[in-house]
Amino acid sequence: MNSEGFVLRGGLVCDPEAGSLAPGDVVVRDGRIAAPATAGAADRIVDVSGLVVTPGLVDLHTHVFVGQDLGVDPDVVGPPSGVTTMVDTGSAGAHLFGAFVRGTVERARTRIAAFINISSVGTTSILLSGELKTLAYVDPASCRAAIDAYRDRIVGVKVRASADVAGDNGVVALDRAREVADAEGLPLMVHLGPPPASLADILARLGPGDILTHCFTGLSGTPFTEHGRLVDLIAEARRRGVVFDIGHGMCGFDLEQARAAVAAGFLPDTISSDLHTYSRDIVGGLPDVMAKFLALGVGLPEVVRRTTIVPARVAGLDGAGVGSLRPGAPADLAVLRVTDGPSPTVSAALTVRNGEIVHSASN
């Protein structure tokens, strides 16, 4: 398939960089996207009439350490959902990162990047005890050593600074994660949950390019809006470049919080699933989270931007063409079936990874 070349024809092409949604062709050749004008008589035509063609979806918050407590198999859950790039957010810490790379990252057909957990044990047994409750595991030196060893795989540092994970150690763990991220020049992703590490504590430590995930959770005790407008804390953080990520998961998405924020003009920067063993039945997949934002009145091009090029930029993958339809970019594509109405749906009809069709709903 890579050398044969084919053309996706008859659909609406949603280009997240141009902000456009219009009829067009997408040409695939040698595992790359080619200019539409290069389509030739020898290219196989794939009819995608009535469907929407986008870059392969980029899920900024997942757990795909296969065989570990939270881990789902990226090659099982990714292609049927149109996701071609999955960013694992803290499943592995320093002591297990090598196992994660060798056992999952190097074997997967799905592209995987990762945030390393500030705790050396990662999310190994979340049902038994949070990884930050023993501060000895929250070791900046071992985390930095792992980043040095796997710098080509690690795109940031993750800390789950909530009471259920950290007990009373949330702020201390947050500060240690901040120390590592600053020293290594990486973004910091912080899981928002119940205090004592409050929303104010967390945002005070986040700067441009850092990520607050589970931003619409109902567990933080601090709403994003008040009397129909954004609270000052949130507005100021956005002004200085903090990235707000959905991270739906089991309890990372409160519909009323989301509805009020969208009504106040606040859209999350990135829409992600937080897909893992225990959230899979609740979340479904990234297309299901996309559909929730369509139902909130967010337009399809904006939803696609927040599930393609923007998360690719946040994770530093856009330079390699991830999340893009530019000629020369990797031929990672999602062909989506989108239904309108009061309860919109989104599903993947076809998924292309590196020029190869890895999922077809007709099969």
Protein backbone atom coordinates (compact mmCIF):
# COMPACT_ATOMS: atom_id res chain seq x y z
CA MET A 1 0.00 0.00 0.00
CA ASN A 2 2.82 2.44 0.80
CA SER A 3 4.31 2.39 -2.72
CA GLU A 4 1.04 1.83 -4.60
CA GLY A 5 -0.52 5.17 -3.79
CA PHE A 6 -4.20 5.87 -3.35
CA VAL A 7 -6.59 8.78 -3.24
CA LEU A 8 -9.31 9.44 -0.67
CA ARG A 9 -12.02 10.97 -2.84
CA GLY A 10 -15.54 12.27 -2.36
CA GLY A 11 -15.34 13.39 1.25
CA LEU A 12 -15.10 16.69 3.10
CA VAL A 13 -11.49 17.46 4.01
CA CYS A 14 -11.07 19.13 7.39
CA ASP A 15 -7.67 20.82 7.46
CA PRO A 16 -6.94 21.91 11.06
CA GLU A 17 -4.15 24.29 10.07
CA ALA A 18 -6.18 26.09 7.42
CA GLY A 19 -9.35 25.92 9.52
CA SER A 20 -11.22 24.69 6.44
CA LEU A 21 -13.89 22.09 5.81
CA ALA A 22 -14.45 21.59 2.09
CA PRO A 23 -14.72 18.90 -0.59
CA GLY A 24 -11.35 17.66 -1.78
CA ASP A 25 -8.96 14.80 -2.39
CA VAL A 26 -6.22 13.53 -0.10
CA VAL A 27 -3.45 11.74 -1.97
CA VAL A 28 -1.26 9.14 -0.25
CA ARG A 29 2.02 7.99 -1.77
CA ASP A 30 5.06 6.25 -0.25
CA GLY A 31 3.63 6.59 3.23
CA ARG A 32 3.33 10.37 2.92
CA ILE A 33 0.66 12.88 2.02
CA ALA A 34 1.14 14.18 -1.51
CA ALA A 35 -0.22 17.29 -3.19
CA PRO A 36 -3.71 16.73 -4.66
CA ALA A 37 -2.45 17.71 -8.10
CA THR A 38 -0.18 14.66 -8.16
CA ALA A 39 -3.08 12.20 -8.27
CA GLY A 40 -2.60 9.94 -11.28
CA ALA A 41 -4.50 7.34 -13.26
CA ALA A 42 -2.57 4.54 -11.56
CA ASP A 43 -3.65 5.59 -8.07
CA ARG A 44 -6.35 3.52 -6.46
CA ILE A 45 -9.47 5.52 -5.58
CA VAL A 46 -10.96 5.02 -2.13
CA ASP A 47 -14.48 6.40 -2.06
CA VAL A 48 -15.12 8.34 1.16
CA SER A 49 -18.32 10.07 0.05
CA GLY A 50 -20.35 11.43 2.95
CA LEU A 51 -17.37 11.21 5.32
CA VAL A 52 -14.91 13.70 6.82
CA VAL A 53 -11.17 13.29 6.22
CA THR A 54 -8.86 14.65 8.91
CA PRO A 55 -5.28 14.07 10.00
CA GLY A 56 -4.93 11.01 12.18
CA LEU A 57 -6.24 11.89 15.61
CA VAL A 58 -3.71 12.71 18.32
CA ASP A 59 -4.84 11.70 21.82
CA LEU A 60 -2.82 13.76 24.31
CA HIS A 61 -3.86 11.79 27.40
CA THR A 62 -3.82 7.99 27.35
CA HIS A 63 -2.36 5.03 29.26
CA VAL A 64 -0.92 2.41 26.92
CA PHE A 65 1.75 0.59 28.95
CA VAL A 66 0.62 -2.89 27.93
CA GLY A 67 0.58 -5.33 30.85
CA GLN A 68 0.60 -2.60 33.47
CA ASP A 69 -2.37 -1.78 35.71
CA LEU A 70 -3.85 0.99 33.56
CA GLY A 71 -2.49 0.05 30.18
CA VAL A 72 -4.64 -0.64 27.13
CA ASP A 73 -3.11 -1.92 23.89
CA PRO A 74 -2.59 1.04 21.53
CA ASP A 75 -2.92 -1.15 18.44
CA VAL A 76 -6.24 -2.52 19.67
CA VAL A 77 -7.86 0.76 20.73
CA GLY A 78 -6.15 3.25 18.39
CA PRO A 79 -7.04 2.25 14.80
CA PRO A 80 -10.79 1.67 15.38
CA SER A 81 -11.03 5.17 16.86
CA GLY A 82 -9.07 7.01 14.15
CA VAL A 83 -6.22 7.66 16.59
CA THR A 84 -2.78 7.29 15.03
CA THR A 85 -0.75 9.00 17.79
CA MET A 86 -1.20 8.29 21.49
CA VAL A 87 0.59 10.20 24.21
CA ASP A 88 0.99 8.12 27.35
CA THR A 89 0.76 10.39 30.38
CA GLY A 90 2.71 9.02 33.28
CA SER A 91 2.03 5.29 33.20
CA ALA A 92 5.77 4.73 33.61
CA GLY A 93 8.19 6.39 35.98
CA ALA A 94 11.96 6.14 35.97
CA HIS A 95 12.19 2.55 37.23
CA LEU A 96 9.82 1.15 34.60
CA PHE A 97 10.34 3.43 31.65
CA GLY A 98 12.74 1.04 29.91
CA ALA A 99 10.21 -1.77 30.19
CA PHE A 100 7.54 0.50 28.74
CA VAL A 101 9.73 1.40 25.77
CA ARG A 102 10.81 -2.15 25.00
CA GLY A 103 7.48 -3.83 25.70
CA THR A 104 5.09 -1.30 24.15
CA VAL A 105 6.57 1.71 22.37
CA GLU A 106 9.02 -0.18 20.15
CA ARG A 107 6.46 -2.87 19.26
CA ALA A 108 3.42 -0.74 18.53
CA ARG A 109 2.35 0.28 15.04
CA THR A 110 0.59 3.27 16.61
CA ARG A 111 2.92 6.22 17.22
CA ILE A 112 3.55 6.67 20.96
CA ALA A 113 5.14 9.53 22.85
CA ALA A 114 5.19 9.81 26.64
CA PHE A 115 5.17 12.02 29.69
CA ILE A 116 7.28 10.40 32.41
CA ASN A 117 5.74 10.15 35.87
CA ILE A 118 7.65 12.02 38.58
CA SER A 119 7.10 8.93 40.74
CA SER A 120 9.59 6.21 39.84
CA VAL A 121 6.88 3.51 40.08
CA GLY A 122 4.37 5.27 37.83
CA THR A 123 0.73 4.24 37.89
CA THR A 124 1.54 0.66 38.78
CA SER A 125 -1.29 -0.11 41.22
CA ILE A 126 -3.73 2.77 41.40
CA LEU A 127 -6.40 0.64 43.11
CA LEU A 128 -4.02 -0.17 45.97
CA SER A 129 -2.18 3.07 46.62
CA GLY A 130 -1.36 6.29 44.81
CA GLU A 131 2.17 6.57 43.48
CA LEU A 132 2.90 9.82 45.36
CA LYS A 133 1.97 8.65 48.85
CA THR A 134 5.51 7.37 49.43
CA LEU A 135 7.73 10.40 48.87
CA ALA A 136 10.86 8.28 48.49
CA TYR A 137 9.56 7.30 45.04
CA VAL A 138 9.21 10.97 44.05
CA ASP A 139 12.87 11.23 43.19
CA PRO A 140 14.00 14.01 40.83
CA ALA A 141 17.43 12.45 40.29
CA SER A 142 16.11 9.13 38.97
CA CYS A 143 13.51 10.93 36.85
CA ARG A 144 16.18 13.10 35.25
CA ALA A 145 18.39 10.08 34.60
CA ALA A 146 15.52 8.35 32.78
CA ILE A 147 14.85 11.46 30.71
CA ASP A 148 18.50 11.52 29.71
CA ALA A 149 18.35 7.85 28.70
CA TYR A 150 15.07 8.14 26.75
CA ARG A 151 15.02 11.72 25.58
CA ASP A 152 13.77 10.70 22.14
CA ARG A 153 10.65 9.15 23.72
CA ILE A 154 9.82 11.59 26.53
CA VAL A 155 7.93 14.80 25.75
CA GLY A 156 7.15 15.98 29.28
CA VAL A 157 6.82 15.30 33.00
CA LYS A 158 3.55 14.21 34.64
CA VAL A 159 2.38 14.55 38.24
CA ARG A 160 -1.01 13.44 39.57
CA ALA A 161 -1.23 16.04 42.32
CA SER A 162 -4.53 15.06 43.91
CA ALA A 163 -5.48 13.79 47.37
CA ASP A 164 -6.38 10.27 46.22
CA VAL A 165 -2.95 9.88 44.61
CA ALA A 166 -0.71 11.89 46.92
CA GLY A 167 -2.43 12.19 50.28
CA ASP A 168 -0.77 15.21 51.89
CA ASN A 169 2.19 15.07 49.49
CA GLY A 170 0.55 16.77 46.53
CA VAL A 171 2.29 20.13 46.71
CA VAL A 172 5.69 18.61 47.48
CA ALA A 173 5.37 16.22 44.53
CA LEU A 174 4.21 19.08 42.33
CA ASP A 175 7.27 21.13 43.24
CA ARG A 176 9.61 18.20 42.55
CA ALA A 177 8.00 17.65 39.17
CA ARG A 178 8.34 21.37 38.44
CA GLU A 179 12.03 21.15 39.34
CA VAL A 180 12.63 18.30 36.88
CA ALA A 181 10.61 19.87 34.06
CA ASP A 182 12.50 23.15 34.41
CA ALA A 183 15.89 21.45 34.57
CA GLU A 184 15.17 19.36 31.48
CA GLY A 185 13.36 22.03 29.46
CA LEU A 186 10.15 19.99 29.23
CA PRO A 187 6.49 20.86 29.77
CA LEU A 188 4.78 19.78 32.97
CA MET A 189 1.38 18.09 32.89
CA VAL A 190 -0.62 18.19 36.12
CA HIS A 191 -3.64 16.02 36.91
CA LEU A 192 -6.33 18.12 38.59
CA GLY A 193 -8.33 16.44 41.34
CA PRO A 194 -9.33 16.84 44.97
CA PRO A 195 -7.19 19.15 47.16
CA PRO A 196 -5.04 19.71 49.25
CA ALA A 197 -3.13 20.66 46.07
CA SER A 198 -5.72 23.22 44.99
CA LEU A 199 -6.37 24.61 41.54
CA ALA A 200 -4.73 27.84 42.69
CA ASP A 201 -1.67 25.95 43.97
CA ILE A 202 -1.32 24.15 40.65
CA LEU A 203 -1.87 27.08 38.31
CA ALA A 204 0.61 29.20 40.29
CA ARG A 205 3.29 26.70 39.24
CA LEU A 206 2.34 26.41 35.57
CA GLY A 207 3.71 28.53 32.75
CA PRO A 208 3.55 28.69 28.96
CA GLY A 209 3.25 25.24 27.42
CA ASP A 210 2.49 23.46 30.70
CA ILE A 211 -0.72 21.44 30.75
CA LEU A 212 -3.59 21.21 33.22
CA THR A 213 -5.42 17.97 32.45
CA HIS A 214 -8.90 16.97 33.65
CA CYS A 215 -9.60 20.69 33.39
CA PHE A 216 -13.38 20.17 33.53
CA THR A 217 -13.41 17.73 36.42
CA GLY A 218 -15.96 18.31 39.13
CA LEU A 219 -13.58 17.09 41.83
CA SER A 220 -11.36 20.14 42.33
CA GLY A 221 -13.96 22.12 44.26
CA THR A 222 -13.20 25.19 42.13
CA PRO A 223 -15.45 26.01 39.16
CA PHE A 224 -14.04 27.65 36.03
CA THR A 225 -16.92 30.09 35.76
CA GLU A 226 -18.90 32.30 38.10
CA HIS A 227 -21.97 34.36 37.19
CA GLY A 228 -21.49 33.40 33.54
CA ARG A 229 -17.87 34.50 33.22
CA LEU A 230 -14.47 32.91 33.66
CA VAL A 231 -12.96 33.22 37.10
CA ASP A 232 -9.85 35.44 37.12
CA LEU A 233 -7.58 32.53 38.05
CA ILE A 234 -8.42 30.68 34.83
CA ALA A 235 -8.41 33.72 32.58
CA GLU A 236 -4.97 34.78 33.80
CA ALA A 237 -3.51 31.28 33.36
CA ARG A 238 -4.77 31.15 29.79
CA ARG A 239 -3.28 34.57 29.06
CA ARG A 240 0.16 33.35 30.10
CA GLY A 241 -0.05 30.25 27.91
CA VAL A 242 -1.13 27.40 30.18
CA VAL A 243 -2.68 24.59 28.11
CA PHE A 244 -6.06 23.27 29.25
CA ASP A 245 -6.66 19.62 28.38
CA ILE A 246 -9.85 17.57 28.83
CA GLY A 247 -8.53 14.13 29.90
CA HIS A 248 -12.07 12.73 30.12
CA GLY A 249 -11.32 9.44 31.94
CA MET A 250 -13.56 8.06 34.66
CA CYS A 251 -14.23 11.33 36.47
CA GLY A 252 -12.25 13.99 34.62
CA PHE A 253 -15.22 15.49 32.80
CA ASP A 254 -18.16 17.22 34.44
CA LEU A 255 -20.78 18.11 31.84
CA GLU A 256 -22.16 21.11 33.74
CA GLN A 257 -18.67 22.52 34.23
CA ALA A 258 -17.99 22.03 30.51
CA ARG A 259 -21.32 23.55 29.45
CA ALA A 260 -20.78 26.65 31.60
CA ALA A 261 -17.20 27.14 30.36
CA VAL A 262 -18.15 26.80 26.68
CA ALA A 263 -21.06 29.20 27.20
CA ALA A 264 -18.58 31.69 28.69
CA GLY A 265 -16.43 31.40 25.57
CA PHE A 266 -13.79 29.11 27.04
CA LEU A 267 -12.83 26.11 24.91
CA PRO A 268 -10.21 23.61 26.05
CA ASP A 269 -6.99 23.76 24.07
CA THR A 270 -6.91 19.99 23.62
CA ILE A 271 -9.58 17.29 23.74
CA SER A 272 -8.29 13.94 25.00
CA SER A 273 -9.72 10.68 26.29
CA ASP A 274 -7.64 9.54 29.29
CA LEU A 275 -8.34 6.08 27.97
CA HIS A 276 -7.19 3.28 30.29
CA THR A 277 -8.29 -0.06 31.69
CA TYR A 278 -10.82 1.39 34.11
CA SER A 279 -12.13 4.24 31.93
CA ARG A 280 -12.59 2.39 28.66
CA ASP A 281 -16.25 1.49 29.18
CA ILE A 282 -17.02 5.05 30.32
CA VAL A 283 -15.10 7.01 27.70
CA GLY A 284 -15.47 4.73 24.68
CA GLY A 285 -12.76 6.51 22.73
CA LEU A 286 -11.61 9.90 21.53
CA PRO A 287 -14.39 10.19 18.88
CA ASP A 288 -16.96 9.87 21.69
CA VAL A 289 -15.35 12.78 23.53
CA MET A 290 -15.32 14.78 20.31
CA ALA A 291 -19.05 14.15 19.94
CA LYS A 292 -19.69 15.64 23.40
CA PHE A 293 -18.17 18.92 22.28
CA LEU A 294 -20.18 18.92 19.08
CA ALA A 295 -23.25 18.51 21.29
CA LEU A 296 -22.09 21.55 23.29
CA GLY A 297 -22.18 23.60 20.09
CA VAL A 298 -18.48 23.59 19.21
CA GLY A 299 -17.97 23.45 15.43
CA LEU A 300 -16.37 20.42 13.81
CA PRO A 301 -13.24 22.28 12.56
CA GLU A 302 -12.55 23.50 16.10
CA VAL A 303 -13.03 20.02 17.54
CA VAL A 304 -10.69 18.58 14.91
CA ARG A 305 -8.02 21.22 15.64
CA ARG A 306 -8.09 20.22 19.31
CA THR A 307 -7.64 16.54 18.47
CA THR A 308 -4.95 16.86 15.79
CA ILE A 309 -2.54 19.75 15.26
CA VAL A 310 -2.88 21.39 18.68
CA PRO A 311 -2.05 18.28 20.76
CA ALA A 312 0.73 17.52 18.27
CA ARG A 313 2.20 20.97 18.99
CA VAL A 314 1.79 20.59 22.72
CA ALA A 315 3.69 17.30 22.61
CA GLY A 316 6.35 18.71 20.27
CA LEU A 317 5.42 16.36 17.43
CA ASP A 318 4.22 18.90 14.88
CA GLY A 319 7.71 19.40 13.48
CA ALA A 320 7.54 15.82 12.19
CA GLY A 321 4.23 16.56 10.47
CA VAL A 322 2.02 14.86 13.05
CA GLY A 323 -1.53 16.22 13.07
CA SER A 324 -1.16 17.84 9.66
CA LEU A 325 -2.39 17.39 6.08
CA ARG A 326 0.61 19.22 4.59
CA PRO A 327 2.25 17.50 1.61
CA GLY A 328 5.20 15.53 2.92
CA ALA A 329 3.64 14.86 6.31
CA PRO A 330 3.25 11.23 7.40
CA ALA A 331 0.12 9.75 5.84
CA ASP A 332 -1.71 9.38 9.14
CA LEU A 333 -5.39 9.95 8.44
CA ALA A 334 -8.78 9.50 10.04
CA VAL A 335 -11.91 9.22 7.92
CA LEU A 336 -14.79 10.03 10.22
CA ARG A 337 -18.52 9.44 10.04
CA VAL A 338 -20.14 12.43 11.74
CA THR A 339 -23.87 12.66 12.41
CA ASP A 340 -25.65 15.88 13.33
CA GLY A 341 -28.67 16.51 15.51
CA PRO A 342 -29.20 16.95 19.25
CA SER A 343 -27.01 13.92 19.98
CA PRO A 344 -24.14 14.02 17.46
CA THR A 345 -21.96 10.97 16.94
CA VAL A 346 -18.43 10.57 15.64
CA SER A 347 -16.88 7.27 14.58
CA ALA A 348 -13.93 6.16 12.48
CA ALA A 349 -14.84 4.63 9.12
CA LEU A 350 -11.21 4.33 8.01
CA THR A 351 -7.82 4.86 9.63
CA VAL A 352 -4.53 5.23 7.78
CA ARG A 353 -1.15 5.02 9.51
CA ASN A 354 2.03 5.72 7.55
CA GLY A 355 0.14 5.21 4.31
CA GLU A 356 -1.33 1.85 5.30
CA ILE A 357 -5.02 1.30 5.97
CA VAL A 358 -5.05 -0.15 9.49
CA HIS A 359 -8.79 0.03 10.11
CA SER A 360 -11.84 -0.10 7.86
CA ALA A 361 -15.32 -0.22 9.34
CA SER A 362 -16.46 -2.19 6.30
CA ASN A 363 -14.09 -5.07 7.15
